[in-house]
């Protein structure tokens, strides 16, 4: 601090000497004018720099206000977008639920509408949990379907919840028949990540057709139901020296996007 003060004094001495010299030789008015002329450039530079700093401060203040205003507007826009997306979701879900429930009254089966509350899935397994159980009349072995077609079968029940193994599960097996040529076989799932089903044990002598529709047929199961659509035959594979051929089925149901199911309690 003392060193800084010494520097200021040393710098001020020449200016004081100049001022005193001018004052000694000139009249007061002349002295003031000469002093003014001497310090005017310094004052002008100071004013210019000061004004520039004020403008910069004002710019940053205005810019900060704009940034804050834009942030608030963006938050409001994001909020409105979220509300709009939620309303669209509710509208879509209500329309789907309405269409789903209307199917119940168009069907010849006695159906219990249920909602999927959880997926239990892996490469080979594809099981869903539904919000209905024994108190709702749901029993093990009952078929599950959507308004698009056959979806799976109830494999376990509790009082309030049940487990449904979907057709896409590799452990699923259903007796089926083609509509056109009445060719029978067994449908098996290929896992949820393969969007097809396999129709097995088709005799080599059977004339199975591409684009024929496959439906469920009666079997020895307690709650078997015939006539539920499953899918369309898209390919046929024959094996040399084998007694049977296979057909690959494109299912009507999208097993990865099931939200509601019907459990067939009687037919």
Protein backbone atom coordinates (compact mmCIF):
# COMPACT_ATOMS: atom_id res chain seq x y z
CA UNK A 1 0.00 0.00 0.00
CA UNK A 2 2.87 2.40 0.86
CA UNK A 3 4.60 1.54 -2.39
CA UNK A 4 1.46 2.32 -4.38
CA UNK A 5 1.06 5.68 -2.62
CA UNK A 6 4.72 6.56 -3.38
CA UNK A 7 4.18 5.84 -7.08
CA UNK A 8 1.15 8.12 -7.15
CA UNK A 9 3.11 10.96 -5.48
CA UNK A 10 6.03 10.58 -7.90
CA UNK A 11 3.65 10.68 -10.89
CA UNK A 12 1.82 13.74 -9.51
CA UNK A 13 4.98 15.83 -8.94
CA UNK A 14 5.65 16.61 -12.67
CA UNK A 15 2.03 17.66 -13.18
CA UNK A 16 2.16 19.93 -10.13
CA UNK A 17 5.40 21.49 -11.36
CA UNK A 18 3.83 22.20 -14.74
CA UNK A 19 0.76 23.73 -13.14
CA UNK A 20 2.82 25.91 -10.79
CA UNK A 21 5.05 27.02 -13.64
CA UNK A 22 2.06 28.06 -15.73
CA UNK A 23 0.44 29.77 -12.74
CA UNK A 24 3.61 31.73 -11.95
CA UNK A 25 3.94 33.11 -15.48
CA UNK A 26 0.25 33.64 -16.46
CA UNK A 27 -2.94 35.35 -15.38
CA UNK A 28 -5.59 33.34 -13.52
CA UNK A 29 -7.91 33.04 -16.52
CA UNK A 30 -5.02 32.04 -18.74
CA UNK A 31 -3.85 29.55 -16.12
CA UNK A 32 -7.24 27.85 -15.90
CA UNK A 33 -7.53 27.64 -19.68
CA UNK A 34 -4.08 26.14 -20.02
CA UNK A 35 -4.76 23.64 -17.25
CA UNK A 36 -8.07 22.72 -18.92
CA UNK A 37 -6.30 22.30 -22.27
CA UNK A 38 -3.65 20.16 -20.61
CA UNK A 39 -6.09 17.74 -18.91
CA UNK A 40 -8.92 17.77 -21.47
CA UNK A 41 -7.62 14.77 -23.53
CA UNK A 42 -7.36 12.71 -20.35
CA UNK A 43 -10.86 13.72 -19.33
CA UNK A 44 -12.21 12.95 -22.80
CA UNK A 45 -10.67 9.48 -22.74
CA UNK A 46 -12.08 8.88 -19.25
CA UNK A 47 -15.58 9.94 -20.34
CA UNK A 48 -15.37 7.75 -23.45
CA UNK A 49 -14.27 4.71 -21.46
CA UNK A 50 -16.86 5.35 -18.74
CA UNK A 51 -19.67 5.66 -21.28
CA UNK A 52 -18.48 2.47 -22.97
CA UNK A 53 -18.48 0.59 -19.70
CA UNK A 54 -22.00 1.84 -18.93
CA UNK A 55 -23.20 0.65 -22.34
CA UNK A 56 -21.61 -2.76 -21.81
CA UNK A 57 -23.24 -3.06 -18.37
CA UNK A 58 -26.60 -2.07 -19.83
CA UNK A 59 -26.18 -4.62 -22.65
CA UNK A 60 -25.47 -7.47 -20.24
CA UNK A 61 -28.38 -6.45 -18.03
CA UNK A 62 -30.74 -6.43 -21.03
CA UNK A 63 -29.30 -9.70 -22.30
CA UNK A 64 -29.72 -11.35 -18.90
CA UNK A 65 -33.35 -10.21 -18.81
CA UNK A 66 -33.96 -11.67 -22.28
CA UNK A 67 -32.30 -14.96 -21.30
CA UNK A 68 -34.50 -15.21 -18.20
CA UNK A 69 -37.61 -14.37 -20.22
CA UNK A 70 -36.72 -17.01 -22.83
CA UNK A 71 -36.16 -19.57 -20.07
CA UNK A 72 -39.58 -18.87 -18.57
CA UNK A 73 -41.22 -19.05 -22.00
CA UNK A 74 -39.48 -22.37 -22.74
CA UNK A 75 -40.64 -23.80 -19.40
CA UNK A 76 -44.19 -22.71 -20.17
CA UNK A 77 -43.99 -24.21 -23.66
CA UNK A 78 -42.63 -27.52 -22.31
CA UNK A 79 -45.45 -27.58 -19.76
CA UNK A 80 -48.06 -27.00 -22.47
CA UNK A 81 -46.49 -29.71 -24.66
CA UNK A 82 -46.57 -32.17 -21.77
CA UNK A 83 -50.22 -31.35 -21.03
CA UNK A 84 -51.12 -31.71 -24.71
CA UNK A 85 -49.31 -35.07 -24.97
CA UNK A 86 -51.13 -36.32 -21.87
CA UNK A 87 -54.50 -35.22 -23.26
CA UNK A 88 -53.74 -36.93 -26.59
CA UNK A 89 -52.74 -40.10 -24.72
CA UNK A 90 -55.96 -40.03 -22.69
CA UNK A 91 -58.00 -39.47 -25.84
CA UNK A 92 -56.25 -42.33 -27.65
CA UNK A 93 -56.59 -44.68 -24.68
CA UNK A 94 -60.28 -43.85 -24.25
CA UNK A 95 -60.94 -44.47 -27.95
CA UNK A 96 -59.06 -47.78 -27.79
CA UNK A 97 -60.91 -48.81 -24.63
CA UNK A 98 -64.26 -47.89 -26.20
CA UNK A 99 -63.47 -49.89 -29.35
CA UNK A 100 -62.23 -52.75 -27.18
CA UNK A 101 -65.37 -52.87 -25.02
CA UNK A 102 -67.67 -52.63 -28.05
CA UNK A 103 -66.14 -55.87 -29.33
CA UNK A 104 -67.42 -57.64 -26.23
CA UNK A 105 -71.01 -57.10 -27.32
CA UNK A 106 -70.30 -58.08 -30.93
CA UNK A 107 -68.69 -61.39 -29.95
CA UNK A 108 -70.57 -64.66 -29.47
CA UNK A 109 -68.41 -65.52 -26.46
CA UNK A 110 -68.98 -64.55 -22.84
CA UNK A 111 -66.01 -62.30 -22.15
CA UNK A 112 -64.47 -60.65 -19.11
CA UNK A 113 -62.53 -57.48 -20.04
CA UNK A 114 -59.24 -57.08 -18.14
CA UNK A 115 -56.26 -54.75 -18.16
CA UNK A 116 -52.61 -55.78 -18.48
CA UNK A 117 -50.72 -54.42 -15.46
CA UNK A 118 -47.29 -55.99 -15.99
CA UNK A 119 -45.15 -57.72 -18.62
CA UNK A 120 -42.86 -60.62 -17.72
CA UNK A 121 -40.76 -61.03 -20.83
CA UNK A 122 -37.48 -62.48 -22.06
CA UNK A 123 -36.22 -63.98 -25.30
CA UNK A 124 -38.33 -67.13 -24.94
CA UNK A 125 -40.90 -66.13 -22.31
CA UNK A 126 -43.82 -63.80 -22.89
CA UNK A 127 -46.25 -63.59 -19.95
CA UNK A 128 -48.50 -60.75 -18.78
CA UNK A 129 -50.23 -60.09 -15.47
CA UNK A 130 -53.89 -59.02 -15.59
CA UNK A 131 -55.98 -57.22 -12.96
CA UNK A 132 -58.62 -59.96 -12.57
CA UNK A 133 -58.62 -63.33 -10.85
CA UNK A 134 -60.73 -66.05 -9.32
CA UNK A 135 -63.22 -63.60 -7.79
CA UNK A 136 -63.97 -62.42 -11.36
CA UNK A 137 -64.52 -65.97 -12.63
CA UNK A 138 -61.07 -66.37 -14.18
CA UNK A 139 -59.73 -69.95 -14.17
CA UNK A 140 -56.54 -71.64 -15.28
CA UNK A 141 -56.71 -72.77 -18.91
CA UNK A 142 -59.15 -70.10 -20.13
CA UNK A 143 -58.30 -68.47 -23.45
CA UNK A 144 -57.34 -64.81 -23.71
CA UNK A 145 -57.92 -62.66 -26.79
CA UNK A 146 -58.01 -59.09 -28.04
CA UNK A 147 -60.35 -57.54 -30.57
CA UNK A 148 -57.73 -58.52 -33.18
CA UNK A 149 -57.65 -62.22 -32.36
CA UNK A 150 -56.20 -64.95 -30.17
CA UNK A 151 -53.66 -63.72 -27.59
CA UNK A 152 -52.88 -66.55 -25.17
CA UNK A 153 -54.05 -68.62 -22.23
CA UNK A 154 -54.41 -68.21 -18.45
CA UNK A 155 -51.71 -70.29 -16.73
CA UNK A 156 -52.06 -69.23 -13.08
CA UNK A 157 -54.65 -67.43 -10.96
CA UNK A 158 -55.00 -65.76 -7.58
CA UNK A 159 -57.96 -64.00 -6.02
CA UNK A 160 -57.29 -60.62 -7.68
CA UNK A 161 -54.65 -61.26 -10.38
CA UNK A 162 -53.88 -63.82 -13.06
CA UNK A 163 -51.00 -64.73 -15.38
CA UNK A 164 -51.55 -65.10 -19.12
CA UNK A 165 -48.98 -66.82 -21.34
CA UNK A 166 -49.12 -65.13 -24.73
CA UNK A 167 -49.08 -66.98 -28.04
CA UNK A 168 -45.61 -65.59 -28.76
CA UNK A 169 -44.16 -67.51 -25.79
CA UNK A 170 -42.11 -70.53 -26.96
CA UNK A 171 -44.03 -72.76 -24.52
CA UNK A 172 -47.42 -71.90 -26.06
CA UNK A 173 -49.15 -74.70 -27.98
CA UNK A 174 -52.64 -74.49 -29.54
CA UNK A 175 -54.59 -76.72 -31.92
CA UNK A 176 -55.45 -74.82 -35.10
CA UNK A 177 -56.99 -75.28 -38.52
CA UNK A 178 -56.80 -73.34 -41.79
CA UNK A 179 -60.05 -71.87 -43.10
CA UNK A 180 -59.81 -72.74 -46.80
CA UNK A 181 -58.52 -76.32 -46.87
CA UNK A 182 -59.27 -77.24 -43.25
CA UNK A 183 -55.69 -78.34 -42.63
CA UNK A 184 -54.95 -79.00 -38.98
CA UNK A 185 -51.78 -78.45 -37.03
CA UNK A 186 -50.25 -77.16 -33.79
CA UNK A 187 -49.31 -73.49 -33.33
CA UNK A 188 -46.17 -72.72 -31.32
CA UNK A 189 -44.66 -69.35 -30.38
CA UNK A 190 -41.14 -68.30 -31.38
CA UNK A 191 -40.45 -65.77 -28.64
CA UNK A 192 -41.59 -62.15 -28.38
CA UNK A 193 -38.71 -60.86 -30.55
CA UNK A 194 -39.79 -62.97 -33.54
CA UNK A 195 -42.97 -61.53 -35.00
CA UNK A 196 -44.31 -64.85 -36.25
CA UNK A 197 -45.74 -68.19 -35.11
CA UNK A 198 -44.97 -71.70 -36.38
CA UNK A 199 -47.69 -74.14 -37.42
CA UNK A 200 -46.24 -77.65 -36.96
CA UNK A 201 -47.19 -81.26 -37.67
CA UNK A 202 -48.82 -80.56 -41.03
CA UNK A 203 -48.88 -83.77 -43.14
CA UNK A 204 -46.68 -83.56 -46.27
CA UNK A 205 -49.71 -84.56 -48.34
CA UNK A 206 -51.66 -81.47 -47.19
CA UNK A 207 -52.04 -78.67 -49.74
CA UNK A 208 -51.54 -75.70 -47.46
CA UNK A 209 -51.99 -72.27 -49.06
CA UNK A 210 -50.14 -68.99 -48.60
CA UNK A 211 -52.41 -66.20 -47.24
CA UNK A 212 -54.88 -68.69 -45.79
CA UNK A 213 -56.20 -67.70 -42.35
CA UNK A 214 -55.59 -69.94 -39.34
CA UNK A 215 -58.06 -70.17 -36.41
CA UNK A 216 -58.28 -72.17 -33.20
CA UNK A 217 -59.99 -75.57 -33.23
CA UNK A 218 -61.44 -77.72 -30.49
CA UNK A 219 -59.04 -79.82 -28.45
CA UNK A 220 -59.05 -81.95 -25.30
CA UNK A 221 -58.44 -78.88 -23.12
CA UNK A 222 -61.21 -78.01 -20.67
CA UNK A 223 -61.70 -74.44 -21.89
CA UNK A 224 -60.75 -74.80 -25.55
CA UNK A 225 -62.63 -72.53 -27.96
CA UNK A 226 -62.80 -72.93 -31.75
CA UNK A 227 -62.93 -70.22 -34.38
CA UNK A 228 -60.72 -67.54 -32.81
CA UNK A 229 -58.55 -65.91 -35.53
CA UNK A 230 -54.80 -66.31 -35.04
CA UNK A 231 -53.06 -65.07 -38.18
CA UNK A 232 -52.22 -65.48 -41.87
CA UNK A 233 -49.96 -68.12 -43.44
CA UNK A 234 -46.99 -66.31 -45.00
CA UNK A 235 -44.58 -69.15 -45.81
CA UNK A 236 -44.41 -72.95 -45.95
CA UNK A 237 -41.30 -75.03 -45.33
CA UNK A 238 -40.99 -78.67 -46.38
CA UNK A 239 -38.33 -81.06 -45.15
CA UNK A 240 -36.96 -83.91 -47.21
CA UNK A 241 -37.46 -87.39 -45.74
CA UNK A 242 -39.86 -85.97 -43.16
CA UNK A 243 -43.52 -86.79 -42.57
CA UNK A 244 -44.52 -83.23 -41.78
CA UNK A 245 -44.13 -79.69 -43.09
CA UNK A 246 -44.31 -76.35 -41.32
CA UNK A 247 -46.05 -73.05 -42.00
CA UNK A 248 -45.05 -69.63 -40.70
CA UNK A 249 -47.91 -67.48 -39.44
CA UNK A 250 -48.09 -63.69 -39.19
CA UNK A 251 -50.27 -63.14 -36.08
CA UNK A 252 -53.09 -60.61 -35.98
CA UNK A 253 -52.18 -59.54 -32.44
CA UNK A 254 -49.19 -57.31 -31.71
CA UNK A 255 -47.91 -59.09 -28.59
CA UNK A 256 -45.60 -56.24 -27.61
CA UNK A 257 -48.38 -53.66 -27.30
CA UNK A 258 -51.23 -55.37 -25.49
CA UNK A 259 -53.00 -53.13 -22.96
CA UNK A 260 -56.34 -54.88 -22.63
CA UNK A 261 -57.49 -58.49 -22.95
CA UNK A 262 -60.71 -60.46 -22.97
CA UNK A 263 -60.83 -63.71 -21.01
CA UNK A 264 -63.30 -66.16 -22.55
CA UNK A 265 -65.24 -67.61 -19.63
CA UNK A 266 -67.79 -69.48 -21.79
CA UNK A 267 -68.85 -69.92 -25.42
